[in-house]
Amino acid sequence: MKMSLKRQKLNSMSIEQSLAFEVKQRFCYIELEKWKHYLCNKRTIEEVEAAIAATTSIIVEIQNLENKIYNENIPEYDDPLI
């Protein structure tokens, strides 16, 4: 079954978007590593609390990106009505 031009365009946009999500996800992992190394040194309670908040935020962002990447790569079902 041939894909329509519109559907092909949507698929190529999804690939680009998926790659952008993967790049952002990789960036988040790098930032998370920086925070881990930051916490290896002696810190005040306030600094530790700020680092925990930042790492939690990064982890949530990574999970959101993983969901987006998964959703972008779900194969579309052949729908004869489209």
PDB file of N, CA and C in Angstrom:
ATOM      1  N   MET A   1       0.850  -1.180   0.000  1.00  0.00           N
ATOM      2  CA  MET A   1       0.000   0.000   0.000  1.00  0.00           C
ATOM      3  C   MET A   1       0.890   1.236   0.000  1.00  0.00           C
ATOM      4  N   LYS A   2       0.702   2.128  -0.959  1.00  0.00           N
ATOM      5  CA  LYS A   2       1.506   3.340  -1.049  1.00  0.00           C
ATOM      6  C   LYS A   2       1.030   4.358  -0.025  1.00  0.00           C
ATOM      7  N   MET A   3       2.027   5.043   0.541  1.00  0.00           N
ATOM      8  CA  MET A   3       1.686   6.112   1.479  1.00  0.00           C
ATOM      9  C   MET A   3       1.395   7.381   0.701  1.00  0.00           C
ATOM     10  N   SER A   4       0.470   8.125   1.191  1.00  0.00           N
ATOM     11  CA  SER A   4       0.186   9.414   0.564  1.00  0.00           C
ATOM     12  C   SER A   4       1.326  10.381   0.871  1.00  0.00           C
ATOM     13  N   LEU A   5       1.445  11.432   0.062  1.00  0.00           N
ATOM     14  CA  LEU A   5       2.493  12.429   0.268  1.00  0.00           C
ATOM     15  C   LEU A   5       2.372  13.075   1.645  1.00  0.00           C
ATOM     16  N   LYS A   6       1.141  13.314   2.072  1.00  0.00           N
ATOM     17  CA  LYS A   6       0.900  13.930   3.381  1.00  0.00           C
ATOM     18  C   LYS A   6       1.429  13.025   4.496  1.00  0.00           C
ATOM     19  N   ARG A   7       1.168  11.744   4.395  1.00  0.00           N
ATOM     20  CA  ARG A   7       1.612  10.803   5.432  1.00  0.00           C
ATOM     21  C   ARG A   7       3.130  10.692   5.432  1.00  0.00           C
ATOM     22  N   GLN A   8       3.762  10.702   4.232  1.00  0.00           N
ATOM     23  CA  GLN A   8       5.218  10.651   4.164  1.00  0.00           C
ATOM     24  C   GLN A   8       5.819  11.882   4.835  1.00  0.00           C
ATOM     25  N   LYS A   9       5.224  13.030   4.620  1.00  0.00           N
ATOM     26  CA  LYS A   9       5.713  14.262   5.233  1.00  0.00           C
ATOM     27  C   LYS A   9       5.597  14.176   6.757  1.00  0.00           C
ATOM     28  N   LEU A  10       4.484  13.651   7.244  1.00  0.00           N
ATOM     29  CA  LEU A  10       4.300  13.497   8.688  1.00  0.00           C
ATOM     30  C   LEU A  10       5.349  12.562   9.266  1.00  0.00           C
ATOM     31  N   ASN A  11       5.649  11.458   8.580  1.00  0.00           N
ATOM     32  CA  ASN A  11       6.642  10.512   9.077  1.00  0.00           C
ATOM     33  C   ASN A  11       8.026  11.131   9.125  1.00  0.00           C
ATOM     34  N   SER A  12       8.418  11.910   8.116  1.00  0.00           N
ATOM     35  CA  SER A  12       9.734  12.522   8.136  1.00  0.00           C
ATOM     36  C   SER A  12       9.823  13.574   9.248  1.00  0.00           C
ATOM     37  N   MET A  13       8.740  14.279   9.510  1.00  0.00           N
ATOM     38  CA  MET A  13       8.740  15.240  10.608  1.00  0.00           C
ATOM     39  C   MET A  13       8.883  14.500  11.931  1.00  0.00           C
ATOM     40  N   SER A  14       8.276  13.340  12.052  1.00  0.00           N
ATOM     41  CA  SER A  14       8.371  12.571  13.281  1.00  0.00           C
ATOM     42  C   SER A  14       9.796  12.097  13.524  1.00  0.00           C
ATOM     43  N   ILE A  15      10.506  11.720  12.463  1.00  0.00           N
ATOM     44  CA  ILE A  15      11.892  11.279  12.607  1.00  0.00           C
ATOM     45  C   ILE A  15      12.756  12.434  13.091  1.00  0.00           C
ATOM     46  N   GLU A  16      12.587  13.606  12.495  1.00  0.00           N
ATOM     47  CA  GLU A  16      13.350  14.780  12.915  1.00  0.00           C
ATOM     48  C   GLU A  16      13.042  15.136  14.360  1.00  0.00           C
ATOM     49  N   GLN A  17      11.774  15.079  14.706  1.00  0.00           N
ATOM     50  CA  GLN A  17      11.369  15.406  16.069  1.00  0.00           C
ATOM     51  C   GLN A  17      11.923  14.374  17.046  1.00  0.00           C
ATOM     52  N   SER A  18      11.876  13.117  16.666  1.00  0.00           N
ATOM     53  CA  SER A  18      12.400  12.059  17.513  1.00  0.00           C
ATOM     54  C   SER A  18      13.900  12.245  17.749  1.00  0.00           C
ATOM     55  N   LEU A  19      14.636  12.589  16.697  1.00  0.00           N
ATOM     56  CA  LEU A  19      16.071  12.836  16.843  1.00  0.00           C
ATOM     57  C   LEU A  19      16.333  14.032  17.750  1.00  0.00           C
ATOM     58  N   ALA A  20      15.519  15.072  17.629  1.00  0.00           N
ATOM     59  CA  ALA A  20      15.673  16.237  18.505  1.00  0.00           C
ATOM     60  C   ALA A  20      15.438  15.854  19.962  1.00  0.00           C
ATOM     61  N   PHE A  21      14.439  15.007  20.205  1.00  0.00           N
ATOM     62  CA  PHE A  21      14.174  14.539  21.566  1.00  0.00           C
ATOM     63  C   PHE A  21      15.354  13.724  22.090  1.00  0.00           C
ATOM     64  N   GLU A  22      15.945  12.887  21.229  1.00  0.00           N
ATOM     65  CA  GLU A  22      17.075  12.073  21.653  1.00  0.00           C
ATOM     66  C   GLU A  22      18.292  12.929  21.989  1.00  0.00           C
ATOM     67  N   VAL A  23      18.522  13.989  21.226  1.00  0.00           N
ATOM     68  CA  VAL A  23      19.634  14.898  21.518  1.00  0.00           C
ATOM     69  C   VAL A  23      19.396  15.593  22.859  1.00  0.00           C
ATOM     70  N   LYS A  24      18.183  16.063  23.062  1.00  0.00           N
ATOM     71  CA  LYS A  24      17.854  16.731  24.331  1.00  0.00           C
ATOM     72  C   LYS A  24      17.986  15.752  25.499  1.00  0.00           C
ATOM     73  N   GLN A  25      17.576  14.505  25.281  1.00  0.00           N
ATOM     74  CA  GLN A  25      17.689  13.486  26.320  1.00  0.00           C
ATOM     75  C   GLN A  25      19.158  13.257  26.683  1.00  0.00           C
ATOM     76  N   ARG A  26      20.015  13.170  25.672  1.00  0.00           N
ATOM     77  CA  ARG A  26      21.450  12.973  25.916  1.00  0.00           C
ATOM     78  C   ARG A  26      22.016  14.142  26.711  1.00  0.00           C
ATOM     79  N   PHE A  27      21.606  15.367  26.359  1.00  0.00           N
ATOM     80  CA  PHE A  27      22.031  16.550  27.088  1.00  0.00           C
ATOM     81  C   PHE A  27      21.625  16.447  28.558  1.00  0.00           C
ATOM     82  N   CYS A  28      20.414  15.981  28.812  1.00  0.00           N
ATOM     83  CA  CYS A  28      19.927  15.835  30.191  1.00  0.00           C
ATOM     84  C   CYS A  28      20.770  14.836  30.970  1.00  0.00           C
ATOM     85  N   TYR A  29      21.154  13.736  30.318  1.00  0.00           N
ATOM     86  CA  TYR A  29      22.012  12.753  30.992  1.00  0.00           C
ATOM     87  C   TYR A  29      23.374  13.361  31.343  1.00  0.00           C
ATOM     88  N   ILE A  30      23.908  14.184  30.467  1.00  0.00           N
ATOM     89  CA  ILE A  30      25.189  14.842  30.735  1.00  0.00           C
ATOM     90  C   ILE A  30      25.048  15.802  31.919  1.00  0.00           C
ATOM     91  N   GLU A  31      23.955  16.566  31.939  1.00  0.00           N
ATOM     92  CA  GLU A  31      23.710  17.479  33.059  1.00  0.00           C
ATOM     93  C   GLU A  31      23.542  16.715  34.374  1.00  0.00           C
ATOM     94  N   LEU A  32      22.881  15.592  34.314  1.00  0.00           N
ATOM     95  CA  LEU A  32      22.689  14.760  35.509  1.00  0.00           C
ATOM     96  C   LEU A  32      24.033  14.287  36.054  1.00  0.00           C
ATOM     97  N   GLU A  33      24.937  13.891  35.170  1.00  0.00           N
ATOM     98  CA  GLU A  33      26.283  13.484  35.595  1.00  0.00           C
ATOM     99  C   GLU A  33      27.024  14.634  36.263  1.00  0.00           C
ATOM    100  N   LYS A  34      26.866  15.844  35.734  1.00  0.00           N
ATOM    101  CA  LYS A  34      27.515  17.014  36.338  1.00  0.00           C
ATOM    102  C   LYS A  34      27.033  17.218  37.766  1.00  0.00           C
ATOM    103  N   TRP A  35      25.719  17.069  37.967  1.00  0.00           N
ATOM    104  CA  TRP A  35      25.169  17.241  39.317  1.00  0.00           C
ATOM    105  C   TRP A  35      25.680  16.150  40.255  1.00  0.00           C
ATOM    106  N   LYS A  36      25.829  14.933  39.772  1.00  0.00           N
ATOM    107  CA  LYS A  36      26.363  13.841  40.605  1.00  0.00           C
ATOM    108  C   LYS A  36      27.773  14.182  41.076  1.00  0.00           C
ATOM    109  N   HIS A  37      28.602  14.671  40.151  1.00  0.00           N
ATOM    110  CA  HIS A  37      29.970  15.049  40.518  1.00  0.00           C
ATOM    111  C   HIS A  37      29.968  16.246  41.466  1.00  0.00           C
ATOM    112  N   TYR A  38      29.053  17.159  41.274  1.00  0.00           N
ATOM    113  CA  TYR A  38      28.916  18.323  42.157  1.00  0.00           C
ATOM    114  C   TYR A  38      28.641  17.867  43.590  1.00  0.00           C
ATOM    115  N   LEU A  39      27.809  16.837  43.735  1.00  0.00           N
ATOM    116  CA  LEU A  39      27.430  16.370  45.064  1.00  0.00           C
ATOM    117  C   LEU A  39      28.519  15.541  45.742  1.00  0.00           C
ATOM    118  N   CYS A  40      29.562  15.157  45.008  1.00  0.00           N
ATOM    119  CA  CYS A  40      30.646  14.371  45.606  1.00  0.00           C
ATOM    120  C   CYS A  40      31.494  15.196  46.570  1.00  0.00           C
ATOM    121  N   ASN A  41      31.491  16.500  46.408  1.00  0.00           N
ATOM    122  CA  ASN A  41      32.242  17.373  47.311  1.00  0.00           C
ATOM    123  C   ASN A  41      31.370  17.762  48.502  1.00  0.00           C
ATOM    124  N   LYS A  42      32.030  18.228  49.552  1.00  0.00           N
ATOM    125  CA  LYS A  42      31.293  18.652  50.742  1.00  0.00           C
ATOM    126  C   LYS A  42      30.432  19.864  50.397  1.00  0.00           C
ATOM    127  N   ARG A  43      29.148  19.786  50.726  1.00  0.00           N
ATOM    128  CA  ARG A  43      28.185  20.846  50.402  1.00  0.00           C
ATOM    129  C   ARG A  43      27.351  21.196  51.627  1.00  0.00           C
ATOM    130  N   THR A  44      26.769  22.388  51.595  1.00  0.00           N
ATOM    131  CA  THR A  44      25.837  22.779  52.651  1.00  0.00           C
ATOM    132  C   THR A  44      24.489  22.111  52.373  1.00  0.00           C
ATOM    133  N   ILE A  45      23.646  22.131  53.376  1.00  0.00           N
ATOM    134  CA  ILE A  45      22.301  21.558  53.227  1.00  0.00           C
ATOM    135  C   ILE A  45      21.559  22.250  52.092  1.00  0.00           C
ATOM    136  N   GLU A  46      21.672  23.575  52.018  1.00  0.00           N
ATOM    137  CA  GLU A  46      20.982  24.321  50.966  1.00  0.00           C
ATOM    138  C   GLU A  46      21.472  23.924  49.581  1.00  0.00           C
ATOM    139  N   GLU A  47      22.794  23.739  49.451  1.00  0.00           N
ATOM    140  CA  GLU A  47      23.349  23.322  48.163  1.00  0.00           C
ATOM    141  C   GLU A  47      22.876  21.918  47.783  1.00  0.00           C
ATOM    142  N   VAL A  48      22.820  21.032  48.765  1.00  0.00           N
ATOM    143  CA  VAL A  48      22.356  19.662  48.512  1.00  0.00           C
ATOM    144  C   VAL A  48      20.881  19.674  48.114  1.00  0.00           C
ATOM    145  N   GLU A  49      20.075  20.472  48.819  1.00  0.00           N
ATOM    146  CA  GLU A  49      18.646  20.562  48.480  1.00  0.00           C
ATOM    147  C   GLU A  49      18.456  21.101  47.054  1.00  0.00           C
ATOM    148  N   ALA A  50      19.238  22.105  46.696  1.00  0.00           N
ATOM    149  CA  ALA A  50      19.149  22.659  45.335  1.00  0.00           C
ATOM    150  C   ALA A  50      19.570  21.621  44.297  1.00  0.00           C
ATOM    151  N   ALA A  51      20.609  20.858  44.602  1.00  0.00           N
ATOM    152  CA  ALA A  51      21.077  19.823  43.680  1.00  0.00           C
ATOM    153  C   ALA A  51      20.046  18.702  43.540  1.00  0.00           C
ATOM    154  N   ILE A  52      19.415  18.335  44.638  1.00  0.00           N
ATOM    155  CA  ILE A  52      18.370  17.300  44.585  1.00  0.00           C
ATOM    156  C   ILE A  52      17.192  17.786  43.745  1.00  0.00           C
ATOM    157  N   ALA A  53      16.800  19.033  43.928  1.00  0.00           N
ATOM    158  CA  ALA A  53      15.700  19.593  43.132  1.00  0.00           C
ATOM    159  C   ALA A  53      16.068  19.608  41.646  1.00  0.00           C
ATOM    160  N   ALA A  54      17.288  19.995  41.344  1.00  0.00           N
ATOM    161  CA  ALA A  54      17.727  20.049  39.945  1.00  0.00           C
ATOM    162  C   ALA A  54      17.778  18.654  39.331  1.00  0.00           C
ATOM    163  N   THR A  55      18.333  17.690  40.065  1.00  0.00           N
ATOM    164  CA  THR A  55      18.427  16.328  39.510  1.00  0.00           C
ATOM    165  C   THR A  55      17.047  15.709  39.352  1.00  0.00           C
ATOM    166  N   THR A  56      16.148  15.985  40.276  1.00  0.00           N
ATOM    167  CA  THR A  56      14.779  15.477  40.156  1.00  0.00           C
ATOM    168  C   THR A  56      14.112  16.048  38.908  1.00  0.00           C
ATOM    169  N   SER A  57      14.304  17.326  38.690  1.00  0.00           N
ATOM    170  CA  SER A  57      13.746  17.979  37.506  1.00  0.00           C
ATOM    171  C   SER A  57      14.315  17.368  36.227  1.00  0.00           C
ATOM    172  N   ILE A  58      15.603  17.107  36.217  1.00  0.00           N
ATOM    173  CA  ILE A  58      16.248  16.504  35.038  1.00  0.00           C
ATOM    174  C   ILE A  58      15.727  15.093  34.805  1.00  0.00           C
ATOM    175  N   ILE A  59      15.560  14.319  35.870  1.00  0.00           N
ATOM    176  CA  ILE A  59      15.056  12.952  35.733  1.00  0.00           C
ATOM    177  C   ILE A  59      13.633  12.947  35.179  1.00  0.00           C
ATOM    178  N   VAL A  60      12.813  13.868  35.649  1.00  0.00           N
ATOM    179  CA  VAL A  60      11.445  13.976  35.125  1.00  0.00           C
ATOM    180  C   VAL A  60      11.482  14.335  33.637  1.00  0.00           C
ATOM    181  N   GLU A  61      12.363  15.258  33.269  1.00  0.00           N
ATOM    182  CA  GLU A  61      12.502  15.646  31.858  1.00  0.00           C
ATOM    183  C   GLU A  61      12.956  14.459  31.010  1.00  0.00           C
ATOM    184  N   ILE A  62      13.898  13.665  31.529  1.00  0.00           N
ATOM    185  CA  ILE A  62      14.362  12.480  30.799  1.00  0.00           C
ATOM    186  C   ILE A  62      13.202  11.507  30.595  1.00  0.00           C
ATOM    187  N   GLN A  63      12.397  11.287  31.628  1.00  0.00           N
ATOM    188  CA  GLN A  63      11.253  10.383  31.496  1.00  0.00           C
ATOM    189  C   GLN A  63      10.241  10.912  30.480  1.00  0.00           C
ATOM    190  N   ASN A  64       9.999  12.223  30.496  1.00  0.00           N
ATOM    191  CA  ASN A  64       9.091  12.817  29.507  1.00  0.00           C
ATOM    192  C   ASN A  64       9.626  12.630  28.090  1.00  0.00           C
ATOM    193  N   LEU A  65      10.935  12.829  27.921  1.00  0.00           N
ATOM    194  CA  LEU A  65      11.537  12.651  26.600  1.00  0.00           C
ATOM    195  C   LEU A  65      11.469  11.194  26.150  1.00  0.00           C
ATOM    196  N   GLU A  66      11.696  10.264  27.087  1.00  0.00           N
ATOM    197  CA  GLU A  66      11.587   8.844  26.738  1.00  0.00           C
ATOM    198  C   GLU A  66      10.177   8.523  26.254  1.00  0.00           C
ATOM    199  N   ASN A  67       9.181   9.082  26.916  1.00  0.00           N
ATOM    200  CA  ASN A  67       7.793   8.863  26.492  1.00  0.00           C
ATOM    201  C   ASN A  67       7.543   9.466  25.112  1.00  0.00           C
ATOM    202  N   LYS A  68       8.063  10.669  24.877  1.00  0.00           N
ATOM    203  CA  LYS A  68       7.871  11.314  23.581  1.00  0.00           C
ATOM    204  C   LYS A  68       8.558  10.511  22.473  1.00  0.00           C
ATOM    205  N   ILE A  69       9.781  10.053  22.742  1.00  0.00           N
ATOM    206  CA  ILE A  69      10.512   9.261  21.751  1.00  0.00           C
ATOM    207  C   ILE A  69       9.742   7.979  21.450  1.00  0.00           C
ATOM    208  N   TYR A  70       9.253   7.326  22.489  1.00  0.00           N
ATOM    209  CA  TYR A  70       8.477   6.103  22.293  1.00  0.00           C
ATOM    210  C   TYR A  70       7.239   6.386  21.449  1.00  0.00           C
ATOM    211  N   ASN A  71       6.508   7.434  21.810  1.00  0.00           N
ATOM    212  CA  ASN A  71       5.277   7.767  21.088  1.00  0.00           C
ATOM    213  C   ASN A  71       5.546   8.167  19.646  1.00  0.00           C
ATOM    214  N   GLU A  72       6.683   8.836  19.397  1.00  0.00           N
ATOM    215  CA  GLU A  72       7.021   9.236  18.030  1.00  0.00           C
ATOM    216  C   GLU A  72       7.368   8.030  17.157  1.00  0.00           C
ATOM    217  N   ASN A  73       7.829   6.958  17.781  1.00  0.00           N
ATOM    218  CA  ASN A  73       8.299   5.805  17.009  1.00  0.00           C
ATOM    219  C   ASN A  73       7.312   4.654  16.964  1.00  0.00           C
ATOM    220  N   ILE A  74       6.128   4.847  17.488  1.00  0.00           N
ATOM    221  CA  ILE A  74       5.105   3.807  17.395  1.00  0.00           C
ATOM    222  C   ILE A  74       4.682   3.709  15.936  1.00  0.00           C
ATOM    223  N   PRO A  75       4.730   2.506  15.359  1.00  0.00           N
ATOM    224  CA  PRO A  75       4.326   2.391  13.959  1.00  0.00           C
ATOM    225  C   PRO A  75       2.841   2.710  13.796  1.00  0.00           C
ATOM    226  N   GLU A  76       2.552   3.441  12.726  1.00  0.00           N
ATOM    227  CA  GLU A  76       1.159   3.779  12.469  1.00  0.00           C
ATOM    228  C   GLU A  76       0.445   2.563  11.880  1.00  0.00           C
ATOM    229  N   TYR A  77      -0.788   2.411  12.259  1.00  0.00           N
ATOM    230  CA  TYR A  77      -1.588   1.333  11.703  1.00  0.00           C
ATOM    231  C   TYR A  77      -2.088   1.746  10.321  1.00  0.00           C
ATOM    232  N   ASP A  78      -2.163   0.788   9.432  1.00  0.00           N
ATOM    233  CA  ASP A  78      -2.708   1.099   8.113  1.00  0.00           C
ATOM    234  C   ASP A  78      -4.208   1.320   8.255  1.00  0.00           C
ATOM    235  N   ASP A  79      -4.598   2.533   8.039  1.00  0.00           N
ATOM    236  CA  ASP A  79      -6.001   2.891   8.147  1.00  0.00           C
ATOM    237  C   ASP A  79      -6.527   3.195   6.744  1.00  0.00           C
ATOM    238  N   PRO A  80      -7.424   2.372   6.216  1.00  0.00           N
ATOM    239  CA  PRO A  80      -7.902   2.603   4.852  1.00  0.00           C
ATOM    240  C   PRO A  80      -8.694   3.892   4.689  1.00  0.00           C
ATOM    241  N   LEU A  81      -9.089   4.511   5.794  1.00  0.00           N
ATOM    242  CA  LEU A  81      -9.873   5.742   5.712  1.00  0.00           C
ATOM    243  C   LEU A  81      -8.997   6.977   5.579  1.00  0.00           C
ATOM    244  N   ILE A  82      -7.693   6.827   5.811  1.00  0.00           N
ATOM    245  CA  ILE A  82      -6.798   7.989   5.746  1.00  0.00           C
ATOM    246  C   ILE A  82      -6.264   8.138   4.333  1.00  0.00           C
TER     247      ILE A  82
END
